[in-house]
Amino acid sequence: MSAVETEKKNEPAGEPAATPDRPGSATHGRRRWLPPVVLAVSLALAGSGWFALNRLTNLGGPDSVCDGAASADLVHDLLGPGRVSDATAGYEPTKNATGSCIAIVKSGLFGTTEKTMWFTIRRGTDEGPGEWAASDARLFPGGSVTPEAAWAVLPEGCSKGVRAEVHTADEQGHDEERARLAVSFANAVAKARACGDRNLAVPKSLSAKGAETDPDWANLCGLPGFAPAKDPSIPSSPVTFRQRATTASDPIWSCTIADRSSSLTPQVFAITTEPQTTTVARRPHDNSGFVGRAQSVAYGTLIATCRGKDVYFTVTGGFDSSFRNRLFPDQEGLVRQFLTAGGKAIGCEPIL
């Protein structure tokens, strides 16, 4: 008998030779607990991934906000990535006198940041379209963007004097994104009201923001020959007045002359070339209040037909609290000069 056979014969009965896979071995034990651990780790990773996606993206969230006022993508373009939601505060897209709808974007894994924007429908007053004028605006056809808000009128075929306004608290700048949101909102309101001949076009560009400059008193507001007589008691030197004008005329060209050290209110000139901005209209059976072809229709505002289209000319401000002291004392002459110079600048037929 060989030594190997003697060794096998002497092994205790019922105890097979140890193998790497036999129950009780270290390798076999690891194989028993490894699948549950892998499953647990996989589930944990999947859970943390879903948690991150849920907190950092809009996966599974709404495609739009505020009854279709804007898509989630447009909201993200302005406010950044995150979970999108909205909240209404008496907002109804079919009514003018309503509250606002608030779009909200929340983001963050452990600490949550929240950014908001407001969608509001505003209706003009009897003061005329000049109340919407802003010399620091960047303009696009049918709308305006200022540091405070962006707005667009409703499409032609909808109620006049109604604008869809987008306001943000923290996202000043981003003018192109805010303009696109305003147009989207205006088109959504028109859809809800079943009005409008066609949607407003998404603006491809905005006008440049007008620079603040010293006034050229011989060509005021950049209008050639517009030289109203200034109050002689107001010194020309040192120059304390500043002037700013928009660089486009649709929907509202505007120019402001102001002196922060003066008691005079800012002098405002405006030309509204988009009739959708206002409900104020000419009075066909009233022959009063005319200056040439222009008729007075609201405080400081006259309407005239230019190339077959109603255009509004507004002159307001430039006075102190007593209304006795004015930057331009001859108000009648001021209006006449503005109608002439402003009308010529937009290619209007002679008004006077």
Protein backbone atom coordinates (compact mmCIF):
# COMPACT_ATOMS: atom_id res chain seq x y z
CA MET A 1 0.00 0.00 0.00
CA SER A 2 1.34 3.33 -0.96
CA ALA A 3 1.80 6.22 1.46
CA VAL A 4 -0.97 8.17 -0.28
CA GLU A 5 -3.46 5.35 0.07
CA THR A 6 -2.52 4.91 3.77
CA GLU A 7 -3.11 8.69 4.33
CA LYS A 8 -6.60 8.58 2.68
CA LYS A 9 -7.49 5.42 4.66
CA ASN A 10 -6.64 7.14 7.92
CA GLU A 11 -8.97 10.16 7.24
CA PRO A 12 -11.92 10.35 9.69
CA ALA A 13 -15.10 8.84 8.27
CA GLY A 14 -17.82 11.38 7.18
CA GLU A 15 -15.38 14.27 6.69
CA PRO A 16 -14.70 14.76 3.01
CA ALA A 17 -11.52 16.37 1.91
CA ALA A 18 -11.70 20.18 2.09
CA THR A 19 -12.47 21.93 -1.21
CA PRO A 20 -12.65 25.70 -1.98
CA ASP A 21 -16.45 25.57 -2.52
CA ARG A 22 -17.60 23.38 0.27
CA PRO A 23 -20.10 24.86 2.73
CA GLY A 24 -18.39 26.50 5.61
CA SER A 25 -15.38 27.57 3.64
CA ALA A 26 -14.43 31.29 3.58
CA THR A 27 -14.93 31.54 -0.19
CA HIS A 28 -18.36 30.00 -0.02
CA GLY A 29 -19.37 32.47 2.73
CA ARG A 30 -18.30 35.43 0.69
CA ARG A 31 -20.32 34.18 -2.24
CA ARG A 32 -23.41 33.93 -0.05
CA TRP A 33 -23.30 37.55 1.15
CA LEU A 34 -21.93 39.16 -2.01
CA PRO A 35 -25.21 39.26 -4.11
CA PRO A 36 -27.26 41.02 -1.38
CA VAL A 37 -24.50 43.57 -0.88
CA VAL A 38 -24.22 44.25 -4.60
CA LEU A 39 -28.00 44.63 -4.80
CA ALA A 40 -28.02 47.00 -1.83
CA VAL A 41 -25.21 49.12 -3.28
CA SER A 42 -26.93 49.20 -6.68
CA LEU A 43 -30.19 50.29 -5.08
CA ALA A 44 -28.40 52.93 -3.05
CA LEU A 45 -26.66 54.30 -6.14
CA ALA A 46 -29.92 54.26 -8.09
CA GLY A 47 -31.71 55.96 -5.22
CA SER A 48 -29.08 58.66 -4.89
CA GLY A 49 -29.13 59.16 -8.67
CA TRP A 50 -32.90 59.58 -8.66
CA PHE A 51 -32.63 61.92 -5.66
CA ALA A 52 -30.09 64.03 -7.54
CA LEU A 53 -32.17 64.06 -10.73
CA ASN A 54 -35.26 64.99 -8.74
CA ARG A 55 -33.49 67.86 -7.01
CA LEU A 56 -31.34 69.16 -9.86
CA THR A 57 -33.50 68.64 -12.96
CA ASN A 58 -37.13 68.78 -14.03
CA LEU A 59 -37.28 65.06 -14.89
CA GLY A 60 -40.89 64.02 -14.49
CA GLY A 61 -41.94 67.63 -13.85
CA PRO A 62 -44.40 69.81 -15.80
CA ASP A 63 -43.66 70.74 -19.41
CA SER A 64 -45.06 74.26 -18.96
CA VAL A 65 -46.21 76.69 -16.27
CA CYS A 66 -49.12 79.02 -15.61
CA ASP A 67 -51.64 77.56 -18.07
CA GLY A 68 -49.10 77.39 -20.86
CA ALA A 69 -47.65 80.88 -20.34
CA ALA A 70 -44.17 79.49 -20.93
CA SER A 71 -42.51 76.12 -21.45
CA ALA A 72 -40.29 74.67 -18.76
CA ASP A 73 -37.36 75.09 -21.16
CA LEU A 74 -37.96 78.87 -21.44
CA VAL A 75 -38.20 79.10 -17.65
CA HIS A 76 -34.92 77.19 -17.31
CA ASP A 77 -33.27 79.51 -19.86
CA LEU A 78 -33.83 82.40 -17.46
CA LEU A 79 -33.82 80.90 -13.97
CA GLY A 80 -31.45 77.97 -14.49
CA PRO A 81 -31.93 74.20 -14.02
CA GLY A 82 -34.05 72.60 -11.35
CA ARG A 83 -37.55 71.41 -10.46
CA VAL A 84 -40.24 73.59 -12.04
CA SER A 85 -43.60 74.39 -10.45
CA ASP A 86 -46.09 77.25 -10.36
CA ALA A 87 -48.50 78.93 -7.98
CA THR A 88 -51.45 81.11 -8.87
CA ALA A 89 -52.67 84.06 -6.85
CA GLY A 90 -56.05 84.89 -8.37
CA TYR A 91 -54.61 84.58 -11.86
CA GLU A 92 -56.96 83.85 -14.78
CA PRO A 93 -55.65 84.20 -18.34
CA THR A 94 -59.08 85.17 -19.68
CA LYS A 95 -59.43 88.18 -17.37
CA ASN A 96 -57.52 91.45 -17.21
CA ALA A 97 -58.06 92.35 -13.55
CA THR A 98 -56.32 89.34 -12.04
CA GLY A 99 -53.38 88.53 -9.86
CA SER A 100 -50.14 86.93 -10.96
CA CYS A 101 -49.02 83.41 -11.68
CA ILE A 102 -45.65 82.61 -10.15
CA ALA A 103 -43.21 80.22 -11.81
CA ILE A 104 -40.75 78.62 -9.41
CA VAL A 105 -37.49 76.75 -9.96
CA LYS A 106 -35.99 74.87 -7.00
CA SER A 107 -32.55 73.31 -7.14
CA GLY A 108 -29.93 71.88 -4.79
CA LEU A 109 -28.99 68.50 -3.30
CA PHE A 110 -28.91 69.41 0.37
CA GLY A 111 -29.53 73.16 0.54
CA THR A 112 -32.35 74.29 -1.75
CA THR A 113 -32.20 77.49 -3.79
CA GLU A 114 -35.41 78.96 -5.15
CA LYS A 115 -35.85 81.41 -8.02
CA THR A 116 -39.13 82.92 -9.16
CA MET A 117 -40.76 84.95 -11.92
CA TRP A 118 -44.22 86.52 -12.13
CA PHE A 119 -46.60 86.42 -15.09
CA THR A 120 -49.10 89.30 -14.90
CA ILE A 121 -51.74 90.64 -17.28
CA ARG A 122 -51.90 94.42 -17.17
CA ARG A 123 -54.39 96.77 -18.77
CA GLY A 124 -53.59 100.37 -19.68
CA THR A 125 -55.46 103.30 -18.22
CA ASP A 126 -57.16 106.31 -19.74
CA GLU A 127 -53.84 108.16 -19.51
CA GLY A 128 -52.87 106.71 -22.87
CA PRO A 129 -49.91 104.67 -24.06
CA GLY A 130 -47.33 107.14 -22.77
CA GLU A 131 -47.57 105.49 -19.36
CA TRP A 132 -45.72 102.50 -20.84
CA ALA A 133 -42.89 104.60 -22.20
CA ALA A 134 -39.41 103.91 -20.83
CA SER A 135 -36.32 105.56 -22.27
CA ASP A 136 -34.05 102.84 -20.86
CA ALA A 137 -35.97 100.09 -22.69
CA ARG A 138 -34.71 97.69 -25.30
CA LEU A 139 -37.47 97.27 -27.86
CA PHE A 140 -38.76 94.59 -30.21
CA PRO A 141 -41.89 94.61 -32.41
CA GLY A 142 -44.83 94.68 -30.01
CA GLY A 143 -42.83 94.68 -26.80
CA SER A 144 -40.25 96.14 -24.45
CA VAL A 145 -37.61 95.01 -21.98
CA THR A 146 -36.49 97.21 -19.08
CA PRO A 147 -34.39 96.34 -16.03
CA GLU A 148 -37.63 95.87 -14.09
CA ALA A 149 -39.84 93.90 -16.48
CA ALA A 150 -40.48 92.62 -19.99
CA TRP A 151 -43.82 92.92 -21.73
CA ALA A 152 -45.56 92.25 -25.02
CA VAL A 153 -48.95 93.43 -26.26
CA LEU A 154 -51.55 90.83 -27.20
CA PRO A 155 -51.67 89.96 -30.92
CA GLU A 156 -53.81 92.02 -33.27
CA GLY A 157 -57.39 90.80 -33.07
CA CYS A 158 -57.27 90.66 -29.26
CA SER A 159 -58.25 93.44 -26.86
CA LYS A 160 -56.19 96.59 -27.16
CA GLY A 161 -54.36 98.12 -24.23
CA VAL A 162 -53.51 94.75 -22.67
CA ARG A 163 -49.96 93.61 -22.13
CA ALA A 164 -48.49 90.33 -20.90
CA GLU A 165 -45.77 91.20 -18.41
CA VAL A 166 -42.95 89.08 -17.01
CA HIS A 167 -41.25 90.30 -13.86
CA THR A 168 -38.24 88.78 -12.12
CA ALA A 169 -36.69 89.68 -8.80
CA ASP A 170 -33.09 88.65 -9.34
CA GLU A 171 -32.50 88.04 -13.03
CA GLN A 172 -31.91 91.54 -14.37
CA GLY A 173 -30.13 91.37 -17.66
CA HIS A 174 -30.92 88.26 -19.71
CA ASP A 175 -32.96 90.62 -21.88
CA GLU A 176 -33.37 88.23 -24.81
CA GLU A 177 -34.64 85.43 -22.56
CA ARG A 178 -37.11 87.77 -20.87
CA ALA A 179 -38.37 89.04 -24.24
CA ARG A 180 -39.02 85.46 -25.40
CA LEU A 181 -40.94 84.77 -22.19
CA ALA A 182 -43.10 87.88 -22.66
CA VAL A 183 -43.98 86.88 -26.24
CA SER A 184 -44.75 83.31 -25.17
CA PHE A 185 -47.00 84.66 -22.41
CA ALA A 186 -48.85 87.04 -24.77
CA ASN A 187 -49.48 84.23 -27.25
CA ALA A 188 -50.71 81.93 -24.46
CA VAL A 189 -53.16 84.58 -23.24
CA ALA A 190 -54.43 85.03 -26.81
CA LYS A 191 -54.92 81.27 -27.11
CA ALA A 192 -56.84 81.13 -23.81
CA ARG A 193 -59.09 83.95 -25.05
CA ALA A 194 -59.44 82.49 -28.54
CA CYS A 195 -58.38 85.78 -30.11
CA GLY A 196 -55.61 87.04 -32.33
CA ASP A 197 -55.13 86.83 -36.06
CA ARG A 198 -51.73 85.20 -35.60
CA ASN A 199 -49.12 84.65 -32.92
CA LEU A 200 -46.54 87.28 -32.13
CA ALA A 201 -43.20 86.38 -33.63
CA VAL A 202 -40.36 85.43 -31.32
CA PRO A 203 -37.97 88.42 -31.39
CA LYS A 204 -34.74 87.72 -33.23
CA SER A 205 -33.01 90.71 -31.67
CA LEU A 206 -33.59 93.70 -29.40
CA SER A 207 -32.75 97.31 -30.00
CA ALA A 208 -29.66 98.64 -28.27
CA LYS A 209 -30.15 100.42 -24.98
CA GLY A 210 -29.93 104.18 -25.40
CA ALA A 211 -26.96 105.90 -23.82
CA GLU A 212 -27.34 108.63 -21.22
CA THR A 213 -25.87 111.83 -22.64
CA ASP A 214 -25.83 115.60 -22.25
CA PRO A 215 -28.82 117.15 -24.06
CA ASP A 216 -28.23 118.79 -27.40
CA TRP A 217 -30.66 121.69 -26.93
CA ALA A 218 -30.65 122.41 -30.68
CA ASN A 219 -31.56 118.82 -31.62
CA LEU A 220 -33.23 117.54 -28.50
CA CYS A 221 -33.63 113.77 -28.09
CA GLY A 222 -31.76 113.26 -31.35
CA LEU A 223 -34.62 114.83 -33.36
CA PRO A 224 -33.16 117.20 -35.96
CA GLY A 225 -34.41 120.76 -35.46
CA PHE A 226 -36.27 119.99 -32.24
CA ALA A 227 -35.18 123.03 -30.21
CA PRO A 228 -37.90 124.20 -27.80
CA ALA A 229 -37.07 127.29 -25.76
CA LYS A 230 -35.80 126.34 -22.32
CA ASP A 231 -36.64 128.40 -19.24
CA PRO A 232 -33.96 131.15 -19.32
CA SER A 233 -33.62 131.01 -15.54
CA ILE A 234 -32.19 127.49 -15.83
CA PRO A 235 -28.45 127.80 -16.49
CA SER A 236 -26.89 125.99 -19.41
CA SER A 237 -23.61 125.58 -17.61
CA PRO A 238 -22.59 123.58 -15.73
CA VAL A 239 -24.67 120.88 -17.46
CA THR A 240 -26.77 119.07 -14.90
CA PHE A 241 -29.47 117.64 -17.16
CA ARG A 242 -29.11 114.20 -18.69
CA GLN A 243 -30.93 112.77 -21.68
CA ARG A 244 -31.71 109.21 -22.74
CA ALA A 245 -33.75 107.97 -25.72
CA THR A 246 -34.66 104.56 -27.05
CA THR A 247 -32.96 103.49 -30.27
CA ALA A 248 -36.11 102.11 -31.96
CA SER A 249 -39.70 103.29 -32.41
CA ASP A 250 -41.77 100.07 -32.22
CA PRO A 251 -43.79 99.89 -30.08
CA ILE A 252 -42.96 103.10 -28.17
CA TRP A 253 -40.11 105.49 -28.84
CA SER A 254 -39.32 107.48 -25.70
CA CYS A 255 -36.95 110.20 -24.54
CA THR A 256 -36.45 111.47 -21.00
CA ILE A 257 -34.64 114.64 -19.89
CA ALA A 258 -34.01 114.82 -16.17
CA ASP A 259 -31.95 116.64 -13.58
CA ARG A 260 -31.62 114.74 -10.31
CA SER A 261 -30.65 117.94 -8.49
CA SER A 262 -33.70 119.83 -9.77
CA SER A 263 -37.21 120.08 -8.35
CA LEU A 264 -38.59 119.52 -11.83
CA THR A 265 -40.13 116.19 -12.76
CA PRO A 266 -38.49 114.39 -15.70
CA GLN A 267 -39.54 115.72 -19.09
CA VAL A 268 -40.90 112.84 -21.17
CA PHE A 269 -41.51 112.66 -24.91
CA ALA A 270 -43.02 109.53 -26.47
CA ILE A 271 -44.22 108.34 -29.86
CA THR A 272 -46.36 105.21 -29.82
CA THR A 273 -46.42 103.48 -33.20
CA GLU A 274 -48.23 100.29 -32.11
CA PRO A 275 -52.03 100.86 -31.76
CA GLN A 276 -52.40 97.58 -29.80
CA THR A 277 -50.87 99.32 -26.79
CA THR A 278 -53.91 101.45 -25.92
CA THR A 279 -57.68 101.67 -25.86
CA VAL A 280 -57.56 105.45 -26.16
CA ALA A 281 -59.00 106.44 -29.53
CA ARG A 282 -59.91 109.52 -31.51
CA ARG A 283 -63.30 111.14 -30.99
CA PRO A 284 -64.89 111.20 -34.46
CA HIS A 285 -67.74 113.56 -33.57
CA ASP A 286 -65.66 115.99 -31.53
CA ASN A 287 -63.90 118.76 -33.42
CA SER A 288 -62.11 120.16 -30.37
CA GLY A 289 -58.57 119.64 -29.17
CA PHE A 290 -56.89 119.62 -32.57
CA VAL A 291 -53.35 120.75 -33.28
CA GLY A 292 -53.10 120.51 -37.04
CA ARG A 293 -54.18 116.96 -37.90
CA ALA A 294 -53.51 115.70 -34.36
CA GLN A 295 -56.33 115.44 -31.83
CA SER A 296 -55.92 115.45 -28.06
CA VAL A 297 -57.23 112.13 -26.66
CA ALA A 298 -55.68 111.98 -23.17
CA TYR A 299 -53.63 114.16 -20.86
CA GLY A 300 -50.50 115.09 -22.79
CA THR A 301 -51.31 112.74 -25.67
CA LEU A 302 -52.49 113.45 -29.21
CA ILE A 303 -53.35 111.04 -31.99
CA ALA A 304 -52.59 111.50 -35.70
CA THR A 305 -52.77 109.25 -38.73
CA CYS A 306 -49.37 108.43 -40.18
CA ARG A 307 -49.28 106.43 -43.41
CA GLY A 308 -52.74 105.07 -42.66
CA LYS A 309 -51.95 104.06 -39.09
CA ASP A 310 -52.82 105.73 -35.79
CA VAL A 311 -49.77 107.10 -33.98
CA TYR A 312 -49.74 108.71 -30.53
CA PHE A 313 -47.54 111.66 -29.51
CA THR A 314 -47.08 112.25 -25.77
CA VAL A 315 -45.53 115.21 -23.95
CA THR A 316 -45.56 115.11 -20.14
CA GLY A 317 -43.53 116.24 -17.13
CA GLY A 318 -40.92 118.94 -16.85
CA PHE A 319 -42.67 120.89 -14.09
CA ASP A 320 -42.34 121.42 -10.36
CA SER A 321 -44.91 120.76 -7.64
CA SER A 322 -46.52 124.16 -8.16
CA PHE A 323 -46.97 123.54 -11.93
CA ARG A 324 -45.85 127.16 -12.43
CA ASN A 325 -42.18 126.50 -13.19
CA ARG A 326 -41.47 124.41 -16.27
CA LEU A 327 -38.38 123.33 -18.15
CA PHE A 328 -40.11 124.52 -21.33
CA PRO A 329 -42.53 127.35 -20.44
CA ASP A 330 -44.16 127.56 -23.88
CA GLN A 331 -46.10 124.31 -23.74
CA GLU A 332 -48.12 124.96 -26.88
CA GLY A 333 -44.98 125.68 -28.87
CA LEU A 334 -43.34 122.59 -27.35
CA VAL A 335 -46.17 120.33 -28.55
CA ARG A 336 -46.20 121.82 -32.02
CA GLN A 337 -42.44 121.44 -32.42
CA PHE A 338 -42.59 117.85 -31.18
CA LEU A 339 -45.39 116.93 -33.60
CA THR A 340 -43.33 118.36 -36.46
CA ALA A 341 -39.94 116.90 -35.54
CA GLY A 342 -41.27 113.61 -34.20
CA GLY A 343 -43.60 113.07 -37.13
CA LYS A 344 -40.79 113.71 -39.61
CA ALA A 345 -38.52 111.26 -37.76
CA ILE A 346 -40.97 108.36 -38.26
CA GLY A 347 -41.82 109.25 -41.84
CA CYS A 348 -45.24 110.71 -41.10
CA GLU A 349 -47.00 113.07 -43.45
CA PRO A 350 -46.91 116.72 -42.23
CA ILE A 351 -49.17 117.08 -39.20
CA LEU A 352 -49.23 120.90 -38.99
